[in-house]
Amino acid sequence: MSLSIVILAAGKGTRMRSDLPKVLQPLAHKPLLGYVIDASMSFKPKELVVVYGYGGDLVKKTFPSPHIQWVEQKEQLGTGHAVQQAAPLIKDEGNTLILYGDVPLIDQKTIERLVIKGQKNLAVLTYSKKDPKGYGRIVRKDDRIQKIVEEKDCDESQKNIKEINTGIMCAPNHLLKNWLKRLTNQNVQKEYYLTDIVGLSIEDNIEVLSESADNEVSITGINSKSELANMERDYQLMTAKTLMDQGVTIIDPSRIDIRGEVTAGKDVTIDVGCIFEGKVVLGNHVKVAAYSHIKDSIIGDHSSIEPYSHIDESKVGSHCRIGPFARLRPGTKLQSHVHIGNFVEIKNSEINDHTNINHLSYVGDSLVGKSVNIGAGTITCNYDGANKHPTKIEDDVFIGSNTALVAPVKIGKGATIGAGSTITKDAPPGDLTVARSKQTSISGWTKPTKNKET
């Protein structure tokens, strides 16, 4: 039987106190709605309908997928009214799963069980909370669901019920459409409650089935920045646990941030405060030291990232050592046994095997050969104010400290560059090249003194 999915994403999120629509608030650098859309796509639905409202143009622009059908809820008249807007896009055959754009971490296995129960009956997802405040209550008789009562409409006895309605439900399309037409707004809020279809189902002698969520985080909605922060830490702990289950050593799972996807080999160790963004691949026996930031990069086997290093869109080979306080910018490619030391910045360059750039240097738009040593304070002057130019350093070159290589320039194989040189022409292979102004000493020179205060 075909499945349609409707995601309710029209709320402004007043408690967020933000111009950004609630469903676009970031969880691990990804909009809340993005998690729900991705989960929905995994079910390969016949129709995927997103009901939008506040900030609609921005919401639609953020998710340009041709697989999404968009429908606007111009007035905020309740969840039932929101699904009514989507009803014309739903076929009569099949069944419909209703999700929420601010409930990002839904559990796929739980939803699969719910969908099975919702093929012929109305099926609702419930959860037993120690503190059910703020949620609609599941009212049962002889263990069968009789109705769902929103908290503002609960009497005192109903407020003591622990089983709550998550809002997530599934039903046959022809029944759902019929129930939506019969909804009324006879309640305290004067809204059309989606939960009222429970009573309509019972009125039609159709049993209401339930499925219980496996954990609370999978049914938790986000309504404020504090709730978003709590969800962020829940998400990070879940992600860290997944990595640890795969054998990764995480020194403190409460102090790691994964804002994308991390793939790790055997015997990987991650220290505290590290941030991973985008797609990151860590090879076997990789060590990432404290407070390093890695984005969209590959780290080869047996390489170590020392504290406070930043790596962005780069590829690090095997047995490399990076940092501390190093920065690899986009387009950097390191081969094996390369050492990039403290306060070294590499940009759009390839550094070959056994090369050392130990400290306080900048290498940009360069091809650096094997077994090269680049001394402290060396820079490639690759930008002339309008265009970038390349620098080529061949194998076995030694570059003395505080050297400026003015691109475009080539340093030949085995060459040595004297410390303090400014190189503006190609240096021949094997030679010592020195480019300094004449040193002059002035005798009798007097140091300046501070002016006396008047």
Protein backbone atom coordinates (compact mmCIF):
# COMPACT_ATOMS: atom_id res chain seq x y z
CA MET A 1 0.00 0.00 0.00
CA SER A 2 1.32 3.46 -0.92
CA LEU A 3 2.30 5.91 1.81
CA SER A 4 1.83 9.67 1.86
CA ILE A 5 3.58 11.80 4.44
CA VAL A 6 2.39 15.19 5.66
CA ILE A 7 4.82 17.33 7.67
CA LEU A 8 3.31 20.18 9.68
CA ALA A 9 5.78 23.07 9.58
CA ALA A 10 3.73 26.26 9.66
CA GLY A 11 4.43 27.52 13.18
CA LYS A 12 6.31 30.77 13.78
CA GLY A 13 7.87 29.62 17.04
CA THR A 14 7.21 32.75 19.08
CA ARG A 15 9.12 31.39 22.06
CA MET A 16 12.25 31.17 19.93
CA ARG A 17 12.31 34.99 19.83
CA SER A 18 13.89 34.82 16.40
CA ASP A 19 13.17 36.08 12.89
CA LEU A 20 14.15 32.63 11.63
CA PRO A 21 11.15 30.25 11.35
CA LYS A 22 11.11 27.62 14.06
CA VAL A 23 11.56 24.70 11.64
CA LEU A 24 14.74 26.34 10.29
CA GLN A 25 16.40 26.66 13.69
CA PRO A 26 19.70 24.70 13.54
CA LEU A 27 20.35 21.43 15.31
CA ALA A 28 23.99 20.43 14.76
CA HIS A 29 24.09 23.04 11.94
CA LYS A 30 21.13 21.44 10.15
CA PRO A 31 17.59 22.87 10.15
CA LEU A 32 15.09 20.98 12.30
CA LEU A 33 12.86 20.40 9.30
CA GLY A 34 15.79 18.87 7.41
CA TYR A 35 15.88 15.92 9.80
CA VAL A 36 12.18 15.25 9.32
CA ILE A 37 12.40 15.53 5.53
CA ASP A 38 15.40 13.17 5.41
CA ALA A 39 13.60 10.65 7.63
CA SER A 40 10.50 10.93 5.46
CA MET A 41 12.44 10.34 2.25
CA SER A 42 13.80 7.10 3.69
CA PHE A 43 10.24 5.72 3.58
CA LYS A 44 10.00 6.52 -0.17
CA PRO A 45 6.53 8.09 0.12
CA LYS A 46 4.15 8.45 -2.79
CA GLU A 47 3.58 12.07 -1.77
CA LEU A 48 5.58 14.21 0.62
CA VAL A 49 3.61 17.31 1.56
CA VAL A 50 5.00 20.07 3.77
CA VAL A 51 2.48 22.50 5.25
CA TYR A 52 4.24 25.84 5.69
CA GLY A 53 3.27 29.21 7.11
CA TYR A 54 5.53 31.78 8.74
CA GLY A 55 8.65 32.49 6.65
CA GLY A 56 7.30 30.30 3.90
CA ASP A 57 9.50 31.62 1.09
CA LEU A 58 12.64 31.01 3.12
CA VAL A 59 11.48 27.55 4.19
CA LYS A 60 10.78 26.55 0.59
CA LYS A 61 14.08 28.02 -0.61
CA THR A 62 15.99 26.04 2.02
CA PHE A 63 14.58 22.73 0.72
CA PRO A 64 14.37 22.96 -3.10
CA SER A 65 13.76 19.22 -3.61
CA PRO A 66 11.38 18.40 -6.49
CA HIS A 67 10.02 15.53 -4.36
CA ILE A 68 8.35 17.95 -1.93
CA GLN A 69 4.87 19.38 -2.47
CA TRP A 70 4.25 22.60 -0.59
CA VAL A 71 0.95 23.91 0.73
CA GLU A 72 0.40 27.07 2.74
CA GLN A 73 -1.58 27.38 5.98
CA LYS A 74 -2.39 31.07 5.82
CA GLU A 75 -4.22 31.16 9.15
CA GLN A 76 -3.01 29.29 12.23
CA LEU A 77 -6.24 27.52 13.14
CA GLY A 78 -4.85 24.33 14.63
CA THR A 79 -3.25 21.05 13.60
CA GLY A 80 -6.49 19.71 12.12
CA HIS A 81 -6.79 22.80 9.95
CA ALA A 82 -3.16 22.36 8.84
CA VAL A 83 -3.77 18.79 7.65
CA GLN A 84 -6.98 19.96 5.93
CA GLN A 85 -4.79 22.17 3.71
CA ALA A 86 -2.80 19.12 2.62
CA ALA A 87 -5.80 16.85 2.06
CA PRO A 88 -6.39 17.82 -1.61
CA LEU A 89 -2.86 16.62 -2.46
CA ILE A 90 -3.40 13.19 -0.93
CA LYS A 91 -4.75 10.35 -3.05
CA ASP A 92 -7.82 8.41 -1.86
CA GLU A 93 -5.94 5.10 -1.77
CA GLY A 94 -3.07 4.31 0.56
CA ASN A 95 -2.44 5.74 3.99
CA THR A 96 -0.96 8.93 5.43
CA LEU A 97 1.67 9.47 8.09
CA ILE A 98 1.58 12.83 9.88
CA LEU A 99 4.86 14.22 11.24
CA TYR A 100 5.99 17.55 12.68
CA GLY A 101 8.74 19.84 11.46
CA ASP A 102 9.87 20.65 15.00
CA VAL A 103 10.21 16.99 16.12
CA PRO A 104 13.55 16.20 14.44
CA LEU A 105 14.84 12.95 15.94
CA ILE A 106 12.02 10.56 15.12
CA ASP A 107 12.96 6.90 15.32
CA GLN A 108 12.60 5.07 12.00
CA LYS A 109 11.85 1.63 13.49
CA THR A 110 9.10 3.07 15.70
CA ILE A 111 7.52 4.85 12.73
CA GLU A 112 7.64 1.67 10.68
CA ARG A 113 5.64 -0.13 13.38
CA LEU A 114 3.15 2.75 13.49
CA VAL A 115 2.65 2.72 9.72
CA ILE A 116 1.87 -1.00 9.76
CA LYS A 117 -0.84 -0.43 12.38
CA GLY A 118 -2.20 2.53 10.41
CA GLN A 119 -2.93 0.62 7.22
CA LYS A 120 -6.53 -0.15 8.18
CA ASN A 121 -6.99 1.71 11.47
CA LEU A 122 -6.14 5.05 12.99
CA ALA A 123 -2.79 4.53 14.75
CA VAL A 124 -1.33 7.10 17.16
CA LEU A 125 2.15 7.27 18.64
CA THR A 126 2.15 7.67 22.42
CA TYR A 127 4.71 7.90 25.21
CA SER A 128 4.52 7.67 29.00
CA LYS A 129 6.17 10.71 30.56
CA LYS A 130 6.94 11.21 34.22
CA ASP A 131 5.95 14.84 33.78
CA PRO A 132 3.27 15.06 31.07
CA LYS A 133 2.73 18.81 31.44
CA GLY A 134 2.11 20.55 28.14
CA TYR A 135 0.96 17.46 26.25
CA GLY A 136 -2.44 16.08 25.32
CA ARG A 137 -3.44 13.03 27.37
CA ILE A 138 -4.44 9.58 26.10
CA VAL A 139 -7.76 8.61 27.72
CA ARG A 140 -8.37 4.86 27.75
CA LYS A 141 -11.16 2.55 28.82
CA ASP A 142 -10.48 -1.19 29.15
CA ASP A 143 -7.05 -0.41 27.70
CA ARG A 144 -8.58 0.98 24.50
CA ILE A 145 -8.09 4.59 23.47
CA GLN A 146 -11.31 6.57 23.82
CA LYS A 147 -10.06 10.07 23.12
CA ILE A 148 -7.16 12.47 23.29
CA VAL A 149 -7.68 15.54 25.45
CA GLU A 150 -5.49 18.61 25.01
CA GLU A 151 -4.05 19.81 28.31
CA LYS A 152 -6.01 23.08 28.33
CA ASP A 153 -9.19 21.04 28.06
CA CYS A 154 -8.21 18.43 30.70
CA ASP A 155 -10.08 18.07 33.97
CA GLU A 156 -8.10 17.37 37.15
CA SER A 157 -8.22 13.59 36.83
CA GLN A 158 -7.12 13.71 33.18
CA LYS A 159 -4.14 15.91 34.08
CA ASN A 160 -2.80 13.01 36.18
CA ILE A 161 -2.61 10.72 33.13
CA LYS A 162 1.02 10.00 32.22
CA GLU A 163 0.48 8.64 28.70
CA ILE A 164 0.72 11.51 26.26
CA ASN A 165 -0.07 12.09 22.62
CA THR A 166 3.00 12.78 20.48
CA GLY A 167 0.87 14.12 17.63
CA ILE A 168 2.39 11.61 15.22
CA MET A 169 -0.25 9.36 13.67
CA CYS A 170 -1.09 7.26 10.64
CA ALA A 171 -4.44 6.45 9.02
CA PRO A 172 -6.00 5.19 5.76
CA ASN A 173 -6.43 8.11 3.37
CA HIS A 174 -10.15 7.68 2.70
CA LEU A 175 -10.90 7.61 6.42
CA LEU A 176 -8.60 10.52 7.21
CA LYS A 177 -10.17 12.73 4.57
CA ASN A 178 -13.64 11.94 5.88
CA TRP A 179 -12.67 12.76 9.47
CA LEU A 180 -10.98 16.01 8.47
CA LYS A 181 -14.24 17.23 6.89
CA ARG A 182 -16.09 16.58 10.15
CA LEU A 183 -13.74 18.45 12.50
CA THR A 184 -15.12 21.36 14.52
CA ASN A 185 -13.53 24.04 16.69
CA GLN A 186 -15.68 23.56 19.79
CA ASN A 187 -12.90 23.88 22.35
CA VAL A 188 -11.17 26.44 24.55
CA GLN A 189 -8.71 27.46 21.84
CA LYS A 190 -11.36 27.63 19.09
CA GLU A 191 -9.03 25.57 16.92
CA TYR A 192 -9.47 22.50 14.76
CA TYR A 193 -7.66 19.77 16.68
CA LEU A 194 -6.27 16.87 14.69
CA THR A 195 -6.67 14.77 17.83
CA ASP A 196 -10.46 14.98 17.51
CA ILE A 197 -10.31 12.39 14.73
CA VAL A 198 -9.85 9.83 17.52
CA GLY A 199 -13.42 10.43 18.65
CA LEU A 200 -14.62 10.35 15.06
CA SER A 201 -12.86 7.02 14.52
CA ILE A 202 -14.59 5.51 17.54
CA GLU A 203 -17.89 7.00 16.38
CA ASP A 204 -17.38 5.12 13.10
CA ASN A 205 -16.66 1.88 15.02
CA ILE A 206 -13.02 1.85 13.93
CA GLU A 207 -10.62 0.91 16.70
CA VAL A 208 -7.84 3.36 17.52
CA LEU A 209 -4.51 1.55 17.79
CA SER A 210 -1.41 2.87 19.51
CA GLU A 211 2.32 2.40 19.27
CA SER A 212 4.64 3.43 22.08
CA ALA A 213 7.82 5.38 21.31
CA ASP A 214 11.03 3.69 22.44
CA ASN A 215 12.59 6.84 23.90
CA GLU A 216 11.62 10.37 24.80
CA VAL A 217 14.06 12.24 22.62
CA SER A 218 12.50 10.73 19.47
CA ILE A 219 9.15 12.40 20.18
CA THR A 220 10.37 15.65 21.72
CA GLY A 221 9.38 18.87 19.98
CA ILE A 222 11.42 22.08 20.06
CA ASN A 223 9.74 25.34 21.06
CA SER A 224 12.46 27.48 22.64
CA LYS A 225 16.19 28.10 22.51
CA SER A 226 16.67 26.29 25.81
CA GLU A 227 14.85 23.23 24.45
CA LEU A 228 16.97 23.49 21.29
CA ALA A 229 20.14 23.50 23.40
CA ASN A 230 18.95 20.46 25.36
CA MET A 231 18.17 18.64 22.11
CA GLU A 232 21.60 19.57 20.75
CA ARG A 233 23.31 17.83 23.66
CA ASP A 234 20.98 14.82 23.39
CA TYR A 235 21.81 14.57 19.71
CA GLN A 236 25.55 14.87 20.31
CA LEU A 237 25.47 12.17 22.99
CA MET A 238 23.55 9.87 20.63
CA THR A 239 26.05 10.50 17.85
CA ALA A 240 29.02 10.00 20.18
CA LYS A 241 27.54 6.72 21.41
CA THR A 242 27.23 5.50 17.82
CA LEU A 243 30.91 6.21 17.23
CA MET A 244 31.94 4.58 20.50
CA ASP A 245 29.89 1.50 19.59
CA GLN A 246 32.04 1.35 16.44
CA GLY A 247 35.22 1.37 18.55
CA VAL A 248 36.14 5.06 18.65
CA THR A 249 37.62 6.30 21.94
CA ILE A 250 35.95 9.57 22.89
CA ILE A 251 37.55 10.97 26.02
CA ASP A 252 34.39 12.82 27.13
CA PRO A 253 31.18 12.23 25.12
CA SER A 254 29.63 15.32 26.70
CA ARG A 255 32.29 17.52 25.08
CA ILE A 256 32.17 16.73 21.39
CA ASP A 257 30.20 18.33 18.55
CA ILE A 258 29.46 16.45 15.35
CA ARG A 259 27.70 18.66 12.82
CA GLY A 260 27.62 16.28 9.93
CA GLU A 261 28.89 12.75 9.36
CA VAL A 262 32.05 11.20 10.81
CA THR A 263 33.43 7.89 9.53
CA ALA A 264 36.22 6.41 11.61
CA GLY A 265 38.58 3.45 11.34
CA LYS A 266 40.05 1.33 14.12
CA ASP A 267 41.65 2.69 17.28
CA VAL A 268 40.71 6.32 16.70
CA THR A 269 40.95 8.65 19.70
CA ILE A 270 39.13 11.99 19.99
CA ASP A 271 39.94 14.32 22.88
CA VAL A 272 37.65 16.96 24.42
CA GLY A 273 36.18 19.99 22.69
CA CYS A 274 36.59 18.78 19.10
CA ILE A 275 34.17 19.92 16.38
CA PHE A 276 33.49 17.97 13.20
CA GLU A 277 31.50 19.50 10.33
CA GLY A 278 30.29 18.11 7.01
CA LYS A 279 31.77 14.78 5.94
CA VAL A 280 34.88 13.80 7.87
CA VAL A 281 36.81 10.55 7.42
CA LEU A 282 39.30 9.48 10.08
CA GLY A 283 41.58 6.58 9.16
CA ASN A 284 42.93 3.85 11.42
CA HIS A 285 44.89 4.89 14.54
CA VAL A 286 44.14 8.59 14.05
CA LYS A 287 44.40 10.83 17.10
CA VAL A 288 42.55 14.14 17.27
CA ALA A 289 43.72 16.24 20.19
CA ALA A 290 41.70 18.74 22.21
CA TYR A 291 39.76 21.61 20.64
CA SER A 292 40.54 20.79 17.04
CA HIS A 293 38.06 21.66 14.29
CA ILE A 294 37.81 19.44 11.21
CA LYS A 295 35.44 20.12 8.31
CA ASP A 296 34.87 18.12 5.09
CA SER A 297 38.29 16.48 5.28
CA ILE A 298 40.06 13.11 5.18
CA ILE A 299 42.71 12.21 7.75
CA GLY A 300 44.95 9.26 6.82
CA ASP A 301 46.04 6.30 8.94
CA HIS A 302 48.33 6.91 11.93
CA SER A 303 48.13 10.69 11.60
CA SER A 304 47.77 12.93 14.63
CA ILE A 305 46.02 16.26 14.88
CA GLU A 306 47.51 18.26 17.74
CA PRO A 307 45.44 20.68 19.90
CA TYR A 308 43.65 23.71 18.46
CA SER A 309 44.22 22.80 14.81
CA HIS A 310 41.75 23.80 12.06
CA ILE A 311 41.37 21.64 8.97
CA ASP A 312 38.90 22.62 6.23
CA GLU A 313 38.29 20.79 2.92
CA SER A 314 41.69 19.16 3.03
CA LYS A 315 43.24 15.74 2.66
CA VAL A 316 45.90 14.58 5.11
CA GLY A 317 47.92 11.47 4.25
CA SER A 318 49.21 8.76 6.54
CA HIS A 319 51.68 9.27 9.41
CA CYS A 320 51.30 13.06 9.33
CA ARG A 321 51.46 15.38 12.32
CA ILE A 322 49.46 18.58 12.26
CA GLY A 323 49.70 21.37 14.82
CA PRO A 324 49.27 22.45 17.46
CA PHE A 325 47.60 25.67 16.29
CA ALA A 326 47.90 24.78 12.61
CA ARG A 327 45.44 25.71 9.87
CA LEU A 328 44.82 23.76 6.68
CA ARG A 329 42.55 25.71 4.35
CA PRO A 330 40.52 24.38 1.39
CA GLY A 331 42.49 22.65 -1.34
CA THR A 332 45.31 21.46 0.90
CA LYS A 333 46.65 18.00 0.15
CA LEU A 334 49.36 16.42 2.31
CA GLN A 335 51.08 13.18 1.33
CA SER A 336 52.59 10.85 3.95
CA HIS A 337 54.95 11.69 6.86
CA VAL A 338 54.36 15.44 6.55
CA HIS A 339 54.73 17.70 9.58
CA ILE A 340 52.80 20.96 9.69
CA GLY A 341 53.73 22.68 12.94
CA ASN A 342 52.39 25.40 15.19
CA PHE A 343 51.05 28.58 13.61
CA VAL A 344 51.52 27.28 10.07
CA GLU A 345 48.84 27.98 7.46
CA ILE A 346 48.51 26.01 4.23
CA LYS A 347 46.08 26.94 1.46
CA ASN A 348 45.36 25.23 -1.87
CA SER A 349 48.71 23.47 -1.89
CA GLU A 350 50.16 19.97 -2.23
CA ILE A 351 52.89 19.00 0.21
CA ASN A 352 54.76 15.80 -0.59
CA ASP A 353 56.29 13.03 1.55
CA HIS A 354 58.61 13.75 4.50
CA THR A 355 58.35 17.52 4.19
CA ASN A 356 58.47 19.69 7.32
CA ILE A 357 56.97 23.14 7.77
CA ASN A 358 57.48 23.39 11.47
CA HIS A 359 56.34 26.83 12.57
CA LEU A 360 55.15 30.35 11.78
CA SER A 361 54.85 30.00 8.00
CA TYR A 362 52.31 30.52 5.21
CA VAL A 363 52.25 28.37 2.06
CA GLY A 364 49.58 29.12 -0.53
CA ASP A 365 48.94 27.99 -4.12
CA SER A 366 52.08 25.90 -4.02
CA LEU A 367 53.46 22.52 -5.05
CA VAL A 368 56.06 21.41 -2.52
CA GLY A 369 58.21 18.36 -3.22
CA LYS A 370 59.55 15.56 -1.03
CA SER A 371 61.91 15.97 1.93
CA VAL A 372 61.68 19.76 1.91
CA ASN A 373 62.39 21.81 5.02
CA ILE A 374 60.73 25.21 5.21
CA GLY A 375 62.12 27.40 8.00
CA ALA A 376 60.19 29.54 10.46
CA GLY A 377 58.63 32.73 9.16
CA THR A 378 58.68 31.69 5.49
CA ILE A 379 55.81 32.90 3.31
CA THR A 380 54.77 32.43 -0.29
CA CYS A 381 53.72 35.80 -1.67
CA ASN A 382 51.05 34.35 -3.94
CA TYR A 383 48.72 37.34 -4.33
CA ASP A 384 49.66 40.46 -6.26
CA GLY A 385 46.57 42.41 -5.32
CA ALA A 386 44.53 41.13 -8.27
CA ASN A 387 45.55 37.54 -9.10
CA LYS A 388 46.97 34.45 -7.43
CA HIS A 389 50.25 32.98 -8.64
CA PRO A 390 51.89 29.55 -8.05
CA THR A 391 55.08 28.62 -6.25
CA LYS A 392 56.92 25.38 -7.01
CA ILE A 393 59.45 23.95 -4.59
CA GLU A 394 61.16 20.79 -5.81
CA ASP A 395 62.50 17.84 -3.77
CA ASP A 396 65.21 18.15 -1.10
CA VAL A 397 65.05 21.94 -0.87
CA PHE A 398 66.08 23.75 2.31
CA ILE A 399 64.55 27.17 2.84
CA GLY A 400 66.03 29.30 5.60
CA SER A 401 63.95 31.19 8.12
CA ASN A 402 62.15 34.42 7.32
CA THR A 403 62.18 33.90 3.57
CA ALA A 404 59.67 35.50 1.17
CA LEU A 405 59.01 33.60 -2.07
CA VAL A 406 57.42 36.05 -4.50
CA ALA A 407 55.29 34.05 -6.92
CA PRO A 408 55.39 32.96 -9.63
CA VAL A 409 58.68 31.37 -8.70
CA LYS A 410 60.38 27.97 -8.82
CA ILE A 411 62.98 26.61 -6.39
CA GLY A 412 65.05 23.89 -8.06
CA LYS A 413 65.77 20.44 -6.66
CA GLY A 414 68.25 20.38 -3.79
CA ALA A 415 68.53 24.17 -3.63
CA THR A 416 69.22 26.08 -0.43
CA ILE A 417 67.74 29.51 0.24
CA GLY A 418 69.58 31.65 2.76
CA ALA A 419 67.64 32.94 5.73
CA GLY A 420 66.06 36.35 5.33
CA SER A 421 65.99 36.22 1.52
CA THR A 422 63.32 37.70 -0.72
CA ILE A 423 63.25 35.47 -3.78
CA THR A 424 61.77 37.05 -6.93
CA LYS A 425 63.47 34.84 -9.56
CA ASP A 426 63.77 31.08 -10.03
CA ALA A 427 66.49 29.52 -7.85
CA PRO A 428 68.66 26.94 -9.69
CA PRO A 429 68.93 23.33 -8.48
CA GLY A 430 71.63 22.51 -5.97
CA ASP A 431 72.81 26.08 -5.45
CA LEU A 432 72.75 28.37 -2.45
CA THR A 433 70.67 31.41 -3.28
CA VAL A 434 70.75 34.48 -1.06
CA ALA A 435 68.84 37.69 -1.72
CA ARG A 436 69.41 40.33 0.98
CA SER A 437 70.22 44.02 0.96
CA LYS A 438 73.74 45.01 2.01
CA GLN A 439 74.23 45.03 5.80
CA THR A 440 75.38 48.37 7.13
CA SER A 441 76.47 49.34 10.66
CA ILE A 442 76.35 53.00 11.73
CA SER A 443 78.72 53.85 14.53
CA GLY A 444 77.84 56.52 17.06
CA TRP A 445 74.11 56.05 16.50
CA THR A 446 71.97 57.18 19.43
CA LYS A 447 68.81 55.43 20.40
CA PRO A 448 65.68 57.60 20.52
CA THR A 449 64.40 58.57 23.95
CA LYS A 450 60.90 59.25 25.18
CA ASN A 451 59.78 62.86 25.27
CA LYS A 452 59.52 64.34 28.73
CA GLU A 453 55.96 64.91 29.89
CA THR A 454 54.99 68.55 29.88
